[in-house]
Amino acid sequence: MGIGMQEILVIALIILLFFGGKKIPELMKGLGKGVKSFKDGMNGKIDDEQQEPKKKDE
């Protein structure tokens, strides 16, 4: 149940018709920033956990 080339083209055509050609670069830029922010947040969370070992109850 994968997405084929025809489905990708149909989705791209719908997006183009819905948003217009001038808005697509802005949308992709925003999406890229969001993904980068998410990755940075996940990496920061992992780095924080590695730097501070958990304290054991005495």
PDB file of N, CA and C in Angstrom:
ATOM      1  N   MET A   1       0.837  -1.181   0.000  1.00  0.00           N
ATOM      2  CA  MET A   1       0.000   0.000   0.000  1.00  0.00           C
ATOM      3  C   MET A   1       0.884   1.248   0.000  1.00  0.00           C
ATOM      4  N   GLY A   2       1.643   1.421  -1.025  1.00  0.00           N
ATOM      5  CA  GLY A   2       2.533   2.567  -1.122  1.00  0.00           C
ATOM      6  C   GLY A   2       1.954   3.642  -2.022  1.00  0.00           C
ATOM      7  N   ILE A   3       2.592   4.772  -2.018  1.00  0.00           N
ATOM      8  CA  ILE A   3       2.169   5.880  -2.868  1.00  0.00           C
ATOM      9  C   ILE A   3       3.001   5.821  -4.141  1.00  0.00           C
ATOM     10  N   GLY A   4       2.312   5.738  -5.271  1.00  0.00           N
ATOM     11  CA  GLY A   4       2.982   5.668  -6.560  1.00  0.00           C
ATOM     12  C   GLY A   4       3.191   7.053  -7.148  1.00  0.00           C
ATOM     13  N   MET A   5       3.802   7.080  -8.310  1.00  0.00           N
ATOM     14  CA  MET A   5       4.110   8.340  -8.975  1.00  0.00           C
ATOM     15  C   MET A   5       2.828   9.075  -9.382  1.00  0.00           C
ATOM     16  N   GLN A   6       1.803   8.355  -9.795  1.00  0.00           N
ATOM     17  CA  GLN A   6       0.549   8.997 -10.203  1.00  0.00           C
ATOM     18  C   GLN A   6      -0.117   9.700  -9.025  1.00  0.00           C
ATOM     19  N   GLU A   7      -0.106   9.057  -7.864  1.00  0.00           N
ATOM     20  CA  GLU A   7      -0.712   9.677  -6.689  1.00  0.00           C
ATOM     21  C   GLU A   7       0.039  10.938  -6.277  1.00  0.00           C
ATOM     22  N   ILE A   8       1.363  10.889  -6.358  1.00  0.00           N
ATOM     23  CA  ILE A   8       2.173  12.062  -6.015  1.00  0.00           C
ATOM     24  C   ILE A   8       1.869  13.212  -6.968  1.00  0.00           C
ATOM     25  N   LEU A   9       1.742  12.922  -8.251  1.00  0.00           N
ATOM     26  CA  LEU A   9       1.419  13.965  -9.227  1.00  0.00           C
ATOM     27  C   LEU A   9       0.039  14.562  -8.983  1.00  0.00           C
ATOM     28  N   VAL A  10      -0.937  13.741  -8.652  1.00  0.00           N
ATOM     29  CA  VAL A  10      -2.285  14.239  -8.371  1.00  0.00           C
ATOM     30  C   VAL A  10      -2.265  15.137  -7.144  1.00  0.00           C
ATOM     31  N   ILE A  11      -1.566  14.719  -6.091  1.00  0.00           N
ATOM     32  CA  ILE A  11      -1.465  15.531  -4.878  1.00  0.00           C
ATOM     33  C   ILE A  11      -0.777  16.855  -5.174  1.00  0.00           C
ATOM     34  N   ALA A  12       0.303  16.823  -5.951  1.00  0.00           N
ATOM     35  CA  ALA A  12       1.026  18.051  -6.310  1.00  0.00           C
ATOM     36  C   ALA A  12       0.136  18.984  -7.125  1.00  0.00           C
ATOM     37  N   LEU A  13      -0.652  18.439  -8.032  1.00  0.00           N
ATOM     38  CA  LEU A  13      -1.561  19.252  -8.848  1.00  0.00           C
ATOM     39  C   LEU A  13      -2.630  19.905  -7.980  1.00  0.00           C
ATOM     40  N   ILE A  14      -3.181  19.162  -7.043  1.00  0.00           N
ATOM     41  CA  ILE A  14      -4.197  19.718  -6.139  1.00  0.00           C
ATOM     42  C   ILE A  14      -3.605  20.840  -5.292  1.00  0.00           C
ATOM     43  N   ILE A  15      -2.392  20.630  -4.777  1.00  0.00           N
ATOM     44  CA  ILE A  15      -1.729  21.670  -3.978  1.00  0.00           C
ATOM     45  C   ILE A  15      -1.478  22.905  -4.828  1.00  0.00           C
ATOM     46  N   LEU A  16      -1.030  22.707  -6.054  1.00  0.00           N
ATOM     47  CA  LEU A  16      -0.769  23.832  -6.952  1.00  0.00           C
ATOM     48  C   LEU A  16      -2.041  24.616  -7.232  1.00  0.00           C
ATOM     49  N   LEU A  17      -3.137  23.924  -7.488  1.00  0.00           N
ATOM     50  CA  LEU A  17      -4.401  24.600  -7.753  1.00  0.00           C
ATOM     51  C   LEU A  17      -4.946  25.295  -6.511  1.00  0.00           C
ATOM     52  N   PHE A  18      -4.778  24.674  -5.353  1.00  0.00           N
ATOM     53  CA  PHE A  18      -5.334  25.215  -4.117  1.00  0.00           C
ATOM     54  C   PHE A  18      -4.577  26.451  -3.644  1.00  0.00           C
ATOM     55  N   PHE A  19      -3.253  26.397  -3.638  1.00  0.00           N
ATOM     56  CA  PHE A  19      -2.453  27.489  -3.091  1.00  0.00           C
ATOM     57  C   PHE A  19      -1.926  28.457  -4.141  1.00  0.00           C
ATOM     58  N   GLY A  20      -1.789  28.034  -5.364  1.00  0.00           N
ATOM     59  CA  GLY A  20      -1.220  28.899  -6.385  1.00  0.00           C
ATOM     60  C   GLY A  20       0.293  28.789  -6.416  1.00  0.00           C
ATOM     61  N   GLY A  21       0.890  29.121  -7.528  1.00  0.00           N
ATOM     62  CA  GLY A  21       2.325  28.959  -7.733  1.00  0.00           C
ATOM     63  C   GLY A  21       3.191  29.838  -6.863  1.00  0.00           C
ATOM     64  N   LYS A  22       2.702  31.010  -6.478  1.00  0.00           N
ATOM     65  CA  LYS A  22       3.532  31.948  -5.714  1.00  0.00           C
ATOM     66  C   LYS A  22       3.603  31.594  -4.238  1.00  0.00           C
ATOM     67  N   LYS A  23       2.610  30.909  -3.714  1.00  0.00           N
ATOM     68  CA  LYS A  23       2.583  30.586  -2.290  1.00  0.00           C
ATOM     69  C   LYS A  23       3.354  29.316  -1.950  1.00  0.00           C
ATOM     70  N   ILE A  24       3.574  28.450  -2.903  1.00  0.00           N
ATOM     71  CA  ILE A  24       4.208  27.158  -2.630  1.00  0.00           C
ATOM     72  C   ILE A  24       5.624  27.310  -2.049  1.00  0.00           C
ATOM     73  N   PRO A  25       6.490  28.175  -2.604  1.00  0.00           N
ATOM     74  CA  PRO A  25       7.824  28.325  -1.986  1.00  0.00           C
ATOM     75  C   PRO A  25       7.756  28.783  -0.525  1.00  0.00           C
ATOM     76  N   GLU A  26       6.804  29.668  -0.218  1.00  0.00           N
ATOM     77  CA  GLU A  26       6.653  30.123   1.171  1.00  0.00           C
ATOM     78  C   GLU A  26       6.208  28.976   2.066  1.00  0.00           C
ATOM     79  N   LEU A  27       5.295  28.152   1.574  1.00  0.00           N
ATOM     80  CA  LEU A  27       4.820  27.006   2.351  1.00  0.00           C
ATOM     81  C   LEU A  27       5.943  26.001   2.603  1.00  0.00           C
ATOM     82  N   MET A  28       6.733  25.730   1.580  1.00  0.00           N
ATOM     83  CA  MET A  28       7.828  24.767   1.724  1.00  0.00           C
ATOM     84  C   MET A  28       8.900  25.298   2.665  1.00  0.00           C
ATOM     85  N   LYS A  29       9.153  26.603   2.619  1.00  0.00           N
ATOM     86  CA  LYS A  29      10.129  27.210   3.529  1.00  0.00           C
ATOM     87  C   LYS A  29       9.654  27.075   4.973  1.00  0.00           C
ATOM     88  N   GLY A  30       8.388  27.358   5.212  1.00  0.00           N
ATOM     89  CA  GLY A  30       7.831  27.212   6.553  1.00  0.00           C
ATOM     90  C   GLY A  30       7.853  25.771   7.024  1.00  0.00           C
ATOM     91  N   LEU A  31       7.530  24.843   6.125  1.00  0.00           N
ATOM     92  CA  LEU A  31       7.560  23.427   6.468  1.00  0.00           C
ATOM     93  C   LEU A  31       8.984  22.988   6.809  1.00  0.00           C
ATOM     94  N   GLY A  32       9.953  23.445   6.036  1.00  0.00           N
ATOM     95  CA  GLY A  32      11.354  23.110   6.307  1.00  0.00           C
ATOM     96  C   GLY A  32      11.821  23.637   7.651  1.00  0.00           C
ATOM     97  N   LYS A  33      11.423  24.865   7.989  1.00  0.00           N
ATOM     98  CA  LYS A  33      11.789  25.437   9.291  1.00  0.00           C
ATOM     99  C   LYS A  33      11.157  24.639  10.423  1.00  0.00           C
ATOM    100  N   GLY A  34       9.914  24.212  10.213  1.00  0.00           N
ATOM    101  CA  GLY A  34       9.237  23.428  11.241  1.00  0.00           C
ATOM    102  C   GLY A  34       9.917  22.093  11.480  1.00  0.00           C
ATOM    103  N   VAL A  35      10.300  21.423  10.402  1.00  0.00           N
ATOM    104  CA  VAL A  35      10.979  20.128  10.524  1.00  0.00           C
ATOM    105  C   VAL A  35      12.335  20.307  11.196  1.00  0.00           C
ATOM    106  N   LYS A  36      13.064  21.357  10.818  1.00  0.00           N
ATOM    107  CA  LYS A  36      14.372  21.617  11.424  1.00  0.00           C
ATOM    108  C   LYS A  36      14.236  21.914  12.911  1.00  0.00           C
ATOM    109  N   SER A  37      13.233  22.697  13.257  1.00  0.00           N
ATOM    110  CA  SER A  37      12.988  23.012  14.661  1.00  0.00           C
ATOM    111  C   SER A  37      12.646  21.751  15.449  1.00  0.00           C
ATOM    112  N   PHE A  38      11.840  20.879  14.866  1.00  0.00           N
ATOM    113  CA  PHE A  38      11.479  19.628  15.518  1.00  0.00           C
ATOM    114  C   PHE A  38      12.704  18.745  15.736  1.00  0.00           C
ATOM    115  N   LYS A  39      13.546  18.624  14.718  1.00  0.00           N
ATOM    116  CA  LYS A  39      14.762  17.817  14.842  1.00  0.00           C
ATOM    117  C   LYS A  39      15.702  18.396  15.895  1.00  0.00           C
ATOM    118  N   ASP A  40      15.868  19.731  15.888  1.00  0.00           N
ATOM    119  CA  ASP A  40      16.725  20.367  16.885  1.00  0.00           C
ATOM    120  C   ASP A  40      16.182  20.139  18.290  1.00  0.00           C
ATOM    121  N   GLY A  41      14.878  20.218  18.435  1.00  0.00           N
ATOM    122  CA  GLY A  41      14.270  19.975  19.737  1.00  0.00           C
ATOM    123  C   GLY A  41      14.479  18.550  20.202  1.00  0.00           C
ATOM    124  N   MET A  42      14.339  17.596  19.304  1.00  0.00           N
ATOM    125  CA  MET A  42      14.547  16.196  19.661  1.00  0.00           C
ATOM    126  C   MET A  42      16.003  15.942  20.012  1.00  0.00           C
ATOM    127  N   ASN A  43      16.925  16.508  19.244  1.00  0.00           N
ATOM    128  CA  ASN A  43      18.352  16.339  19.535  1.00  0.00           C
ATOM    129  C   ASN A  43      18.723  17.013  20.842  1.00  0.00           C
ATOM    130  N   GLY A  44      18.147  18.154  21.135  1.00  0.00           N
ATOM    131  CA  GLY A  44      18.410  18.848  22.392  1.00  0.00           C
ATOM    132  C   GLY A  44      17.912  18.041  23.571  1.00  0.00           C
ATOM    133  N   LYS A  45      16.761  17.422  23.431  1.00  0.00           N
ATOM    134  CA  LYS A  45      16.198  16.591  24.500  1.00  0.00           C
ATOM    135  C   LYS A  45      17.099  15.391  24.756  1.00  0.00           C
ATOM    136  N   ILE A  46      17.578  14.775  23.710  1.00  0.00           N
ATOM    137  CA  ILE A  46      18.462  13.611  23.845  1.00  0.00           C
ATOM    138  C   ILE A  46      19.789  14.037  24.476  1.00  0.00           C
ATOM    139  N   ASP A  47      20.347  15.172  24.036  1.00  0.00           N
ATOM    140  CA  ASP A  47      21.610  15.657  24.585  1.00  0.00           C
ATOM    141  C   ASP A  47      21.470  15.974  26.068  1.00  0.00           C
ATOM    142  N   ASP A  48      20.339  16.586  26.475  1.00  0.00           N
ATOM    143  CA  ASP A  48      20.118  16.911  27.882  1.00  0.00           C
ATOM    144  C   ASP A  48      20.067  15.648  28.732  1.00  0.00           C
ATOM    145  N   GLU A  49      19.415  14.618  28.235  1.00  0.00           N
ATOM    146  CA  GLU A  49      19.314  13.368  28.988  1.00  0.00           C
ATOM    147  C   GLU A  49      20.670  12.692  29.132  1.00  0.00           C
ATOM    148  N   GLN A  50      21.519  12.806  28.119  1.00  0.00           N
ATOM    149  CA  GLN A  50      22.831  12.178  28.175  1.00  0.00           C
ATOM    150  C   GLN A  50      23.770  12.935  29.112  1.00  0.00           C
ATOM    151  N   GLN A  51      23.636  14.256  29.180  1.00  0.00           N
ATOM    152  CA  GLN A  51      24.522  15.062  30.016  1.00  0.00           C
ATOM    153  C   GLN A  51      24.186  14.945  31.496  1.00  0.00           C
ATOM    154  N   GLU A  52      22.903  14.836  31.832  1.00  0.00           N
ATOM    155  CA  GLU A  52      22.494  14.775  33.229  1.00  0.00           C
ATOM    156  C   GLU A  52      22.015  13.371  33.577  1.00  0.00           C
ATOM    157  N   PRO A  53      22.869  12.572  34.205  1.00  0.00           N
ATOM    158  CA  PRO A  53      22.410  11.236  34.580  1.00  0.00           C
ATOM    159  C   PRO A  53      21.323  11.306  35.640  1.00  0.00           C
ATOM    160  N   LYS A  54      20.418  10.353  35.601  1.00  0.00           N
ATOM    161  CA  LYS A  54      19.304  10.334  36.543  1.00  0.00           C
ATOM    162  C   LYS A  54      19.825  10.010  37.935  1.00  0.00           C
ATOM    163  N   LYS A  55      19.237  10.666  38.933  1.00  0.00           N
ATOM    164  CA  LYS A  55      19.628  10.430  40.330  1.00  0.00           C
ATOM    165  C   LYS A  55      18.842   9.254  40.865  1.00  0.00           C
ATOM    166  N   LYS A  56      19.527   8.408  41.626  1.00  0.00           N
ATOM    167  CA  LYS A  56      18.861   7.276  42.248  1.00  0.00           C
ATOM    168  C   LYS A  56      18.387   7.691  43.640  1.00  0.00           C
ATOM    169  N   ASP A  57      17.262   7.136  44.061  1.00  0.00           N
ATOM    170  CA  ASP A  57      16.757   7.408  45.401  1.00  0.00           C
ATOM    171  C   ASP A  57      17.651   6.734  46.428  1.00  0.00           C
ATOM    172  N   GLU A  58      17.949   7.430  47.509  1.00  0.00           N
ATOM    173  CA  GLU A  58      18.833   6.880  48.545  1.00  0.00           C
ATOM    174  C   GLU A  58      18.044   6.183  49.613  1.00  0.00           C
TER     175      GLU A  58
END
